[in-house]
Amino acid sequence: MHFGLIGLLTAAAVAGASWMGEPALAQSRTLSTQGSNTEAAQVLSTQGNEHARDANVLSTEGNEGARPAKVLSTRDLGSPEAVRKSFEGRFPGVEVRVVKRTPFPGLFEIQVGMDLLYTDANVDYVLQGSLIDAKARRDLTAERLEALSKVSFSSLPLELAVKQVNGDGSRQIAVFEDPNCGYCKRLHQSLKEVDNITVYTFLFPILSPDSEIKARDIWCAKDQAATWRAWMLEGKVPPEAKCDTPVDTVLALGRELMVQGTPAIIFADGSRVNGALPLDALKQKLDDVK
């Protein structure tokens, strides 16, 4: 997905004719080369930017032959809204969900779907990767992605899901699944070995036209859970059945939650895992969820 997103941005930039005018630099550092024989330092000012942090000053006083410093100003520039407008101008057709400041001065986080990008205040440069807090040894990008993927379990319309109960059903997960998804079938092989769990399956037919037919036949079956298990575990094709289904509603829900593939597992604490967890990892995750 990452490579595809960068490719999408590159294509959007090439296709778009709207490029920004004068550069606007974000809040940065003030460097002094008083007495230096090096090239002139740039002095960046954030005067007027109410969100800017105090500038850091680095001095090489005593270094002879320094040229005069150049002064660049970010006065009143570099707001998240300005970054959004610049980004959308540079990449027409790419929908920006949220723009946020980061702890890194002058660096902004841009959310596109479930991906995060980083850019300067004028969107002159865009990068994709992990932003690391070196002092605290924290992956800030991973933390943000985890927060973005969280879902309020209690808000899920569980009446639109196929319900399966094993044991006392005290532990709960919800899973977006395509009937033709091989990894979903692998997940159900693991679930056979898990006690005391309720599984809510949202039929999410996105892989093929046949997926939608199977989803209909499973939803309209007299015993939804038994029909679903027989197909996923034993390969027994669901008998044809017709009724009104919630498939369109579930597809819309998946888009709202930015479900990008199957299986997408949502745990009772709102955390999400994309893909089929091995049995040991699944059990550990269930044990960790409060």
C-alpha atoms as a PDB file:
ATOM      1  CA  MET A   1       0.000   0.000   0.000  1.00  0.00           C
ATOM      2  CA  HIS A   2       2.826   2.353   0.784  1.00  0.00           C
ATOM      3  CA  PHE A   3       4.364   2.122  -2.660  1.00  0.00           C
ATOM      4  CA  GLY A   4       0.900   2.551  -4.198  1.00  0.00           C
ATOM      5  CA  LEU A   5       0.245   5.683  -2.185  1.00  0.00           C
ATOM      6  CA  ILE A   6       3.506   7.328  -3.234  1.00  0.00           C
ATOM      7  CA  GLY A   7       2.718   6.366  -6.827  1.00  0.00           C
ATOM      8  CA  LEU A   8      -0.742   7.911  -6.448  1.00  0.00           C
ATOM      9  CA  LEU A   9       0.753  11.146  -5.152  1.00  0.00           C
ATOM     10  CA  THR A  10       3.291  11.256  -7.958  1.00  0.00           C
ATOM     11  CA  ALA A  11       0.562  10.759 -10.556  1.00  0.00           C
ATOM     12  CA  ALA A  12      -1.607  13.411  -8.917  1.00  0.00           C
ATOM     13  CA  ALA A  13       1.270  15.879  -8.885  1.00  0.00           C
ATOM     14  CA  VAL A  14       2.006  15.289 -12.561  1.00  0.00           C
ATOM     15  CA  ALA A  15      -1.655  15.601 -13.507  1.00  0.00           C
ATOM     16  CA  GLY A  16      -2.314  18.716 -11.432  1.00  0.00           C
ATOM     17  CA  ALA A  17      -1.544  22.139 -12.804  1.00  0.00           C
ATOM     18  CA  SER A  18      -1.902  23.970  -9.498  1.00  0.00           C
ATOM     19  CA  TRP A  19       1.498  24.561  -7.890  1.00  0.00           C
ATOM     20  CA  MET A  20       2.045  26.936  -5.004  1.00  0.00           C
ATOM     21  CA  GLY A  21       3.697  30.324  -5.324  1.00  0.00           C
ATOM     22  CA  GLU A  22       6.211  31.730  -2.874  1.00  0.00           C
ATOM     23  CA  PRO A  23       7.638  29.169  -0.444  1.00  0.00           C
ATOM     24  CA  ALA A  24       6.569  29.326   3.193  1.00  0.00           C
ATOM     25  CA  LEU A  25       9.073  27.852   5.611  1.00  0.00           C
ATOM     26  CA  ALA A  26       8.051  26.326   8.905  1.00  0.00           C
ATOM     27  CA  GLN A  27       9.395  27.270  12.294  1.00  0.00           C
ATOM     28  CA  SER A  28      12.961  26.103  12.580  1.00  0.00           C
ATOM     29  CA  ARG A  29      16.259  27.042  14.158  1.00  0.00           C
ATOM     30  CA  THR A  30      18.341  30.203  14.233  1.00  0.00           C
ATOM     31  CA  LEU A  31      21.965  29.532  13.371  1.00  0.00           C
ATOM     32  CA  SER A  32      24.677  32.130  13.881  1.00  0.00           C
ATOM     33  CA  THR A  33      28.102  31.879  12.274  1.00  0.00           C
ATOM     34  CA  GLN A  34      29.528  35.038  13.756  1.00  0.00           C
ATOM     35  CA  GLY A  35      33.191  35.098  12.886  1.00  0.00           C
ATOM     36  CA  SER A  36      32.895  32.014  10.682  1.00  0.00           C
ATOM     37  CA  ASN A  37      34.488  31.574   7.259  1.00  0.00           C
ATOM     38  CA  THR A  38      31.653  29.272   6.266  1.00  0.00           C
ATOM     39  CA  GLU A  39      28.790  30.161   3.951  1.00  0.00           C
ATOM     40  CA  ALA A  40      26.044  32.351   5.288  1.00  0.00           C
ATOM     41  CA  ALA A  41      23.677  30.742   7.758  1.00  0.00           C
ATOM     42  CA  GLN A  42      19.924  30.972   7.357  1.00  0.00           C
ATOM     43  CA  VAL A  43      17.961  32.554  10.158  1.00  0.00           C
ATOM     44  CA  LEU A  44      14.377  31.354  10.220  1.00  0.00           C
ATOM     45  CA  SER A  45      11.858  33.369  12.166  1.00  0.00           C
ATOM     46  CA  THR A  46       8.406  32.352  13.325  1.00  0.00           C
ATOM     47  CA  GLN A  47       7.395  35.838  14.371  1.00  0.00           C
ATOM     48  CA  GLY A  48       3.631  36.045  14.380  1.00  0.00           C
ATOM     49  CA  ASN A  49       3.091  32.283  14.382  1.00  0.00           C
ATOM     50  CA  GLU A  50       1.223  31.773  17.627  1.00  0.00           C
ATOM     51  CA  HIS A  51       1.854  28.034  17.685  1.00  0.00           C
ATOM     52  CA  ALA A  52       5.595  28.241  17.102  1.00  0.00           C
ATOM     53  CA  ARG A  53       8.078  27.094  19.692  1.00  0.00           C
ATOM     54  CA  ASP A  54      11.022  29.231  20.728  1.00  0.00           C
ATOM     55  CA  ALA A  55      13.874  29.063  18.217  1.00  0.00           C
ATOM     56  CA  ASN A  56      17.076  27.237  19.083  1.00  0.00           C
ATOM     57  CA  VAL A  57      20.264  29.307  18.632  1.00  0.00           C
ATOM     58  CA  LEU A  58      23.544  27.710  17.616  1.00  0.00           C
ATOM     59  CA  SER A  59      26.678  29.901  17.547  1.00  0.00           C
ATOM     60  CA  THR A  60      30.136  29.448  16.019  1.00  0.00           C
ATOM     61  CA  GLU A  61      31.447  32.734  17.383  1.00  0.00           C
ATOM     62  CA  GLY A  62      35.149  33.011  16.771  1.00  0.00           C
ATOM     63  CA  ASN A  63      35.100  31.403  13.334  1.00  0.00           C
ATOM     64  CA  GLU A  64      36.508  34.099  11.086  1.00  0.00           C
ATOM     65  CA  GLY A  65      35.202  35.160   7.697  1.00  0.00           C
ATOM     66  CA  ALA A  66      31.531  34.393   8.128  1.00  0.00           C
ATOM     67  CA  ARG A  67      29.149  35.862   5.573  1.00  0.00           C
ATOM     68  CA  PRO A  68      26.066  37.762   6.726  1.00  0.00           C
ATOM     69  CA  ALA A  69      23.118  35.574   7.665  1.00  0.00           C
ATOM     70  CA  LYS A  70      20.065  35.384   5.407  1.00  0.00           C
ATOM     71  CA  VAL A  71      16.716  35.880   7.075  1.00  0.00           C
ATOM     72  CA  LEU A  72      13.650  33.895   6.088  1.00  0.00           C
ATOM     73  CA  SER A  73      10.318  34.379   7.846  1.00  0.00           C
ATOM     74  CA  THR A  74       7.348  32.127   8.424  1.00  0.00           C
ATOM     75  CA  ARG A  75       5.274  34.967   9.832  1.00  0.00           C
ATOM     76  CA  ASP A  76       1.651  33.827  10.169  1.00  0.00           C
ATOM     77  CA  LEU A  77       2.260  30.816   7.903  1.00  0.00           C
ATOM     78  CA  GLY A  78       2.401  27.090   8.492  1.00  0.00           C
ATOM     79  CA  SER A  79      -1.055  26.331   9.903  1.00  0.00           C
ATOM     80  CA  PRO A  80      -2.594  22.871   9.387  1.00  0.00           C
ATOM     81  CA  GLU A  81      -5.301  24.417   7.203  1.00  0.00           C
ATOM     82  CA  ALA A  82      -2.697  26.146   5.018  1.00  0.00           C
ATOM     83  CA  VAL A  83      -0.814  22.855   4.683  1.00  0.00           C
ATOM     84  CA  ARG A  84      -4.040  21.093   3.669  1.00  0.00           C
ATOM     85  CA  LYS A  85      -4.712  23.654   0.927  1.00  0.00           C
ATOM     86  CA  SER A  86      -1.145  23.435  -0.340  1.00  0.00           C
ATOM     87  CA  PHE A  87      -1.213  19.630  -0.353  1.00  0.00           C
ATOM     88  CA  GLU A  88      -4.540  19.424  -2.160  1.00  0.00           C
ATOM     89  CA  GLY A  89      -3.247  21.942  -4.680  1.00  0.00           C
ATOM     90  CA  ARG A  90      -0.147  19.906  -5.366  1.00  0.00           C
ATOM     91  CA  PHE A  91      -1.966  16.562  -5.463  1.00  0.00           C
ATOM     92  CA  PRO A  92      -5.434  17.067  -6.993  1.00  0.00           C
ATOM     93  CA  GLY A  93      -7.880  14.279  -6.265  1.00  0.00           C
ATOM     94  CA  VAL A  94      -6.064  12.951  -3.194  1.00  0.00           C
ATOM     95  CA  GLU A  95      -8.414  13.251  -0.220  1.00  0.00           C
ATOM     96  CA  VAL A  96      -6.807  14.540   2.963  1.00  0.00           C
ATOM     97  CA  ARG A  97      -8.600  13.457   6.113  1.00  0.00           C
ATOM     98  CA  VAL A  98      -6.583  15.263   8.785  1.00  0.00           C
ATOM     99  CA  VAL A  99      -3.536  17.528   9.025  1.00  0.00           C
ATOM    100  CA  LYS A 100      -1.742  17.776  12.385  1.00  0.00           C
ATOM    101  CA  ARG A 101       1.413  19.318  13.733  1.00  0.00           C
ATOM    102  CA  THR A 102       4.100  16.896  14.906  1.00  0.00           C
ATOM    103  CA  PRO A 103       6.588  17.311  17.756  1.00  0.00           C
ATOM    104  CA  PHE A 104       9.233  17.903  15.063  1.00  0.00           C
ATOM    105  CA  PRO A 105       9.295  21.701  14.471  1.00  0.00           C
ATOM    106  CA  GLY A 106       7.960  22.608  11.053  1.00  0.00           C
ATOM    107  CA  LEU A 107       6.875  19.059  10.194  1.00  0.00           C
ATOM    108  CA  PHE A 108       3.204  18.263   9.599  1.00  0.00           C
ATOM    109  CA  GLU A 109       1.404  14.913   9.591  1.00  0.00           C
ATOM    110  CA  ILE A 110      -1.074  14.296   6.778  1.00  0.00           C
ATOM    111  CA  GLN A 111      -3.560  11.430   6.936  1.00  0.00           C
ATOM    112  CA  VAL A 112      -4.610   9.947   3.595  1.00  0.00           C
ATOM    113  CA  GLY A 113      -6.949   7.028   4.177  1.00  0.00           C
ATOM    114  CA  MET A 114      -5.168   4.867   6.745  1.00  0.00           C
ATOM    115  CA  ASP A 115      -1.721   6.068   5.689  1.00  0.00           C
ATOM    116  CA  LEU A 116       0.383   8.839   7.213  1.00  0.00           C
ATOM    117  CA  LEU A 117       2.642  11.220   5.305  1.00  0.00           C
ATOM    118  CA  TYR A 118       4.870  14.024   6.525  1.00  0.00           C
ATOM    119  CA  THR A 119       5.578  17.369   4.891  1.00  0.00           C
ATOM    120  CA  ASP A 120       7.039  20.799   5.499  1.00  0.00           C
ATOM    121  CA  ALA A 121       4.782  23.841   5.867  1.00  0.00           C
ATOM    122  CA  ASN A 122       4.829  24.615   2.160  1.00  0.00           C
ATOM    123  CA  VAL A 123       4.516  21.017   0.942  1.00  0.00           C
ATOM    124  CA  ASP A 124       7.783  21.333  -0.936  1.00  0.00           C
ATOM    125  CA  TYR A 125       8.778  17.872   0.277  1.00  0.00           C
ATOM    126  CA  VAL A 126       6.666  14.851   1.199  1.00  0.00           C
ATOM    127  CA  LEU A 127       7.928  11.684   2.847  1.00  0.00           C
ATOM    128  CA  GLN A 128       6.468   8.436   4.089  1.00  0.00           C
ATOM    129  CA  GLY A 129       7.988   6.422   6.891  1.00  0.00           C
ATOM    130  CA  SER A 130       8.265   6.231  10.658  1.00  0.00           C
ATOM    131  CA  LEU A 131       8.717   9.310  12.826  1.00  0.00           C
ATOM    132  CA  ILE A 132      10.779   8.215  15.837  1.00  0.00           C
ATOM    133  CA  ASP A 133      11.086   9.996  19.164  1.00  0.00           C
ATOM    134  CA  ALA A 134      14.769   9.201  19.708  1.00  0.00           C
ATOM    135  CA  LYS A 135      14.847  10.391  23.326  1.00  0.00           C
ATOM    136  CA  ALA A 136      11.820   8.366  24.444  1.00  0.00           C
ATOM    137  CA  ARG A 137      12.520   5.528  21.972  1.00  0.00           C
ATOM    138  CA  ARG A 138       8.948   5.637  20.667  1.00  0.00           C
ATOM    139  CA  ASP A 139       7.663   5.043  17.157  1.00  0.00           C
ATOM    140  CA  LEU A 140       5.245   7.982  16.918  1.00  0.00           C
ATOM    141  CA  THR A 141       3.948   6.858  13.532  1.00  0.00           C
ATOM    142  CA  ALA A 142       3.059   3.381  14.801  1.00  0.00           C
ATOM    143  CA  GLU A 143       1.303   4.893  17.817  1.00  0.00           C
ATOM    144  CA  ARG A 144      -0.758   7.201  15.617  1.00  0.00           C
ATOM    145  CA  LEU A 145      -1.698   4.397  13.237  1.00  0.00           C
ATOM    146  CA  GLU A 146      -2.813   2.250  16.162  1.00  0.00           C
ATOM    147  CA  ALA A 147      -4.953   5.093  17.476  1.00  0.00           C
ATOM    148  CA  LEU A 148      -6.462   5.732  14.031  1.00  0.00           C
ATOM    149  CA  SER A 149      -7.393   2.077  13.598  1.00  0.00           C
ATOM    150  CA  LYS A 150      -9.293   1.838  16.901  1.00  0.00           C
ATOM    151  CA  VAL A 151     -13.029   1.199  16.745  1.00  0.00           C
ATOM    152  CA  SER A 152     -15.662   1.595  19.445  1.00  0.00           C
ATOM    153  CA  PHE A 153     -16.785  -2.020  19.771  1.00  0.00           C
ATOM    154  CA  SER A 154     -20.051  -1.036  21.456  1.00  0.00           C
ATOM    155  CA  SER A 155     -20.965   1.134  18.480  1.00  0.00           C
ATOM    156  CA  LEU A 156     -20.770  -1.708  15.961  1.00  0.00           C
ATOM    157  CA  PRO A 157     -24.152  -2.818  14.545  1.00  0.00           C
ATOM    158  CA  LEU A 158     -23.729  -6.417  15.670  1.00  0.00           C
ATOM    159  CA  GLU A 159     -27.248  -7.279  14.531  1.00  0.00           C
ATOM    160  CA  LEU A 160     -25.858  -7.106  10.978  1.00  0.00           C
ATOM    161  CA  ALA A 161     -23.291  -9.824  11.689  1.00  0.00           C
ATOM    162  CA  VAL A 162     -23.360 -13.617  11.676  1.00  0.00           C
ATOM    163  CA  LYS A 163     -22.993 -14.654  15.322  1.00  0.00           C
ATOM    164  CA  GLN A 164     -21.076 -17.729  16.458  1.00  0.00           C
ATOM    165  CA  VAL A 165     -20.638 -18.692  20.104  1.00  0.00           C
ATOM    166  CA  ASN A 166     -18.116 -21.131  21.532  1.00  0.00           C
ATOM    167  CA  GLY A 167     -18.223 -22.018  25.227  1.00  0.00           C
ATOM    168  CA  ASP A 168     -19.615 -19.268  27.426  1.00  0.00           C
ATOM    169  CA  GLY A 169     -18.928 -16.646  24.713  1.00  0.00           C
ATOM    170  CA  SER A 170     -17.462 -14.232  27.258  1.00  0.00           C
ATOM    171  CA  ARG A 171     -14.742 -12.929  24.943  1.00  0.00           C
ATOM    172  CA  GLN A 172     -15.824 -11.079  21.835  1.00  0.00           C
ATOM    173  CA  ILE A 173     -14.381 -10.189  18.459  1.00  0.00           C
ATOM    174  CA  ALA A 174     -15.889  -8.778  15.290  1.00  0.00           C
ATOM    175  CA  VAL A 175     -14.409  -9.700  11.934  1.00  0.00           C
ATOM    176  CA  PHE A 176     -14.929  -8.287   8.438  1.00  0.00           C
ATOM    177  CA  GLU A 177     -14.677 -11.303   6.139  1.00  0.00           C
ATOM    178  CA  ASP A 178     -15.086 -12.186   2.492  1.00  0.00           C
ATOM    179  CA  PRO A 179     -16.474 -15.714   1.903  1.00  0.00           C
ATOM    180  CA  ASN A 180     -13.709 -16.354  -0.642  1.00  0.00           C
ATOM    181  CA  CYS A 181     -10.897 -15.066   1.562  1.00  0.00           C
ATOM    182  CA  GLY A 182      -8.267 -17.772   2.137  1.00  0.00           C
ATOM    183  CA  TYR A 183      -6.807 -16.007   5.169  1.00  0.00           C
ATOM    184  CA  CYS A 184     -10.300 -15.797   6.694  1.00  0.00           C
ATOM    185  CA  LYS A 185     -10.569 -19.579   6.395  1.00  0.00           C
ATOM    186  CA  ARG A 186      -7.183 -19.887   8.072  1.00  0.00           C
ATOM    187  CA  LEU A 187      -8.447 -17.670  10.898  1.00  0.00           C
ATOM    188  CA  HIS A 188     -11.445 -19.963  11.434  1.00  0.00           C
ATOM    189  CA  GLN A 189      -9.147 -22.962  11.715  1.00  0.00           C
ATOM    190  CA  SER A 190      -7.488 -21.143  14.633  1.00  0.00           C
ATOM    191  CA  LEU A 191     -10.820 -20.110  16.146  1.00  0.00           C
ATOM    192  CA  LYS A 192     -11.781 -23.784  16.446  1.00  0.00           C
ATOM    193  CA  GLU A 193      -9.128 -24.023  19.167  1.00  0.00           C
ATOM    194  CA  VAL A 194     -10.286 -20.973  21.138  1.00  0.00           C
ATOM    195  CA  ASP A 195     -12.686 -21.418  24.065  1.00  0.00           C
ATOM    196  CA  ASN A 196     -15.291 -19.031  25.443  1.00  0.00           C
ATOM    197  CA  ILE A 197     -15.531 -16.657  22.512  1.00  0.00           C
ATOM    198  CA  THR A 198     -18.279 -14.954  20.512  1.00  0.00           C
ATOM    199  CA  VAL A 199     -17.389 -14.140  16.921  1.00  0.00           C
ATOM    200  CA  TYR A 200     -19.431 -11.584  14.994  1.00  0.00           C
ATOM    201  CA  THR A 201     -18.744 -11.893  11.276  1.00  0.00           C
ATOM    202  CA  PHE A 202     -19.584  -8.949   9.041  1.00  0.00           C
ATOM    203  CA  LEU A 203     -19.954 -10.403   5.549  1.00  0.00           C
ATOM    204  CA  PHE A 204     -17.782  -8.113   3.453  1.00  0.00           C
ATOM    205  CA  PRO A 205     -17.818  -9.393  -0.149  1.00  0.00           C
ATOM    206  CA  ILE A 206     -15.092  -7.458  -1.966  1.00  0.00           C
ATOM    207  CA  LEU A 207     -12.996 -10.113  -3.720  1.00  0.00           C
ATOM    208  CA  SER A 208     -15.281 -11.300  -6.526  1.00  0.00           C
ATOM    209  CA  PRO A 209     -18.916 -11.264  -7.759  1.00  0.00           C
ATOM    210  CA  ASP A 210     -19.226 -14.802  -6.409  1.00  0.00           C
ATOM    211  CA  SER A 211     -18.383 -13.451  -2.955  1.00  0.00           C
ATOM    212  CA  GLU A 212     -21.591 -11.452  -2.921  1.00  0.00           C
ATOM    213  CA  ILE A 213     -23.637 -14.488  -3.964  1.00  0.00           C
ATOM    214  CA  LYS A 214     -22.152 -16.601  -1.177  1.00  0.00           C
ATOM    215  CA  ALA A 215     -22.680 -13.770   1.320  1.00  0.00           C
ATOM    216  CA  ARG A 216     -26.353 -13.640   0.333  1.00  0.00           C
ATOM    217  CA  ASP A 217     -26.809 -17.404   0.584  1.00  0.00           C
ATOM    218  CA  ILE A 218     -25.144 -17.480   4.015  1.00  0.00           C
ATOM    219  CA  TRP A 219     -27.106 -14.533   5.385  1.00  0.00           C
ATOM    220  CA  CYS A 220     -30.418 -15.922   4.119  1.00  0.00           C
ATOM    221  CA  ALA A 221     -29.780 -19.462   5.402  1.00  0.00           C
ATOM    222  CA  LYS A 222     -31.998 -20.857   8.168  1.00  0.00           C
ATOM    223  CA  ASP A 223     -28.931 -21.363  10.342  1.00  0.00           C
ATOM    224  CA  GLN A 224     -26.459 -18.643   9.423  1.00  0.00           C
ATOM    225  CA  ALA A 225     -23.708 -19.728  11.820  1.00  0.00           C
ATOM    226  CA  ALA A 226     -23.814 -23.411  10.818  1.00  0.00           C
ATOM    227  CA  THR A 227     -23.862 -22.546   7.098  1.00  0.00           C
ATOM    228  CA  TRP A 228     -20.946 -20.138   7.523  1.00  0.00           C
ATOM    229  CA  ARG A 229     -18.867 -22.649   9.500  1.00  0.00           C
ATOM    230  CA  ALA A 230     -19.574 -25.436   6.986  1.00  0.00           C
ATOM    231  CA  TRP A 231     -18.309 -23.250   4.158  1.00  0.00           C
ATOM    232  CA  MET A 232     -15.273 -21.797   5.923  1.00  0.00           C
ATOM    233  CA  LEU A 233     -14.105 -25.018   7.614  1.00  0.00           C
ATOM    234  CA  GLU A 234     -15.333 -27.782   5.328  1.00  0.00           C
ATOM    235  CA  GLY A 235     -15.823 -26.109   1.960  1.00  0.00           C
ATOM    236  CA  LYS A 236     -19.525 -26.984   1.763  1.00  0.00           C
ATOM    237  CA  VAL A 237     -21.053 -24.536  -0.697  1.00  0.00           C
ATOM    238  CA  PRO A 238     -24.020 -22.707   0.852  1.00  0.00           C
ATOM    239  CA  PRO A 239     -27.341 -23.709  -0.730  1.00  0.00           C
ATOM    240  CA  GLU A 240     -29.016 -20.967  -2.711  1.00  0.00           C
ATOM    241  CA  ALA A 241     -31.213 -18.739  -0.590  1.00  0.00           C
ATOM    242  CA  LYS A 242     -32.703 -15.327  -1.245  1.00  0.00           C
ATOM    243  CA  CYS A 243     -33.803 -12.554   1.069  1.00  0.00           C
ATOM    244  CA  ASP A 244     -32.991  -8.960   1.847  1.00  0.00           C
ATOM    245  CA  THR A 245     -29.394  -8.674   3.043  1.00  0.00           C
ATOM    246  CA  PRO A 246     -27.447  -5.966   4.872  1.00  0.00           C
ATOM    247  CA  VAL A 247     -24.470  -6.308   2.507  1.00  0.00           C
ATOM    248  CA  ASP A 248     -24.649  -2.739   1.186  1.00  0.00           C
ATOM    249  CA  THR A 249     -24.873  -1.387   4.734  1.00  0.00           C
ATOM    250  CA  VAL A 250     -21.900  -3.498   5.838  1.00  0.00           C
ATOM    251  CA  LEU A 251     -19.855  -2.374   2.832  1.00  0.00           C
ATOM    252  CA  ALA A 252     -20.593   1.245   3.742  1.00  0.00           C
ATOM    253  CA  LEU A 253     -19.605   0.524   7.352  1.00  0.00           C
ATOM    254  CA  GLY A 254     -16.340  -0.997   6.191  1.00  0.00           C
ATOM    255  CA  ARG A 255     -15.548   2.065   4.084  1.00  0.00           C
ATOM    256  CA  GLU A 256     -16.313   4.313   7.050  1.00  0.00           C
ATOM    257  CA  LEU A 257     -13.959   2.281   9.245  1.00  0.00           C
ATOM    258  CA  MET A 258     -11.374   2.209   6.429  1.00  0.00           C
ATOM    259  CA  VAL A 259     -11.324  -1.577   6.212  1.00  0.00           C
ATOM    260  CA  GLN A 260      -8.890  -2.256   3.373  1.00  0.00           C
ATOM    261  CA  GLY A 261      -8.801  -6.037   3.325  1.00  0.00           C
ATOM    262  CA  THR A 262     -10.019  -9.232   4.957  1.00  0.00           C
ATOM    263  CA  PRO A 263      -9.921 -10.486   7.583  1.00  0.00           C
ATOM    264  CA  ALA A 264     -10.012  -7.317   9.665  1.00  0.00           C
ATOM    265  CA  ILE A 265     -10.344  -8.311  13.336  1.00  0.00           C
ATOM    266  CA  ILE A 266     -11.723  -5.852  15.895  1.00  0.00           C
ATOM    267  CA  PHE A 267     -11.252  -6.780  19.548  1.00  0.00           C
ATOM    268  CA  ALA A 268     -13.444  -5.784  22.469  1.00  0.00           C
ATOM    269  CA  ASP A 269     -11.037  -3.016  23.509  1.00  0.00           C
ATOM    270  CA  GLY A 270     -11.351  -1.407  20.071  1.00  0.00           C
ATOM    271  CA  SER A 271      -7.936  -2.488  18.819  1.00  0.00           C
ATOM    272  CA  ARG A 272      -7.683  -3.876  15.310  1.00  0.00           C
ATOM    273  CA  VAL A 273      -5.523  -6.475  13.598  1.00  0.00           C
ATOM    274  CA  ASN A 274      -5.458  -6.814   9.829  1.00  0.00           C
ATOM    275  CA  GLY A 275      -4.895 -10.397   8.768  1.00  0.00           C
ATOM    276  CA  ALA A 276      -5.196 -13.896  10.194  1.00  0.00           C
ATOM    277  CA  LEU A 277      -3.325 -14.202  13.483  1.00  0.00           C
ATOM    278  CA  PRO A 278      -1.613 -17.521  14.230  1.00  0.00           C
ATOM    279  CA  LEU A 279      -3.302 -19.430  17.040  1.00  0.00           C
ATOM    280  CA  ASP A 280      -0.747 -18.554  19.748  1.00  0.00           C
ATOM    281  CA  ALA A 281      -0.812 -14.857  18.818  1.00  0.00           C
ATOM    282  CA  LEU A 282      -4.612 -14.859  18.735  1.00  0.00           C
ATOM    283  CA  LYS A 283      -4.851 -16.434  22.181  1.00  0.00           C
ATOM    284  CA  GLN A 284      -2.293 -13.990  23.574  1.00  0.00           C
ATOM    285  CA  LYS A 285      -4.163 -11.042  22.124  1.00  0.00           C
ATOM    286  CA  LEU A 286      -7.452 -12.236  23.620  1.00  0.00           C
ATOM    287  CA  ASP A 287      -5.767 -12.686  27.002  1.00  0.00           C
ATOM    288  CA  ASP A 288      -4.340  -9.158  26.806  1.00  0.00           C
ATOM    289  CA  VAL A 289      -7.672  -7.525  26.064  1.00  0.00           C
ATOM    290  CA  LYS A 290      -9.385  -6.315  29.194  1.00  0.00           C
END
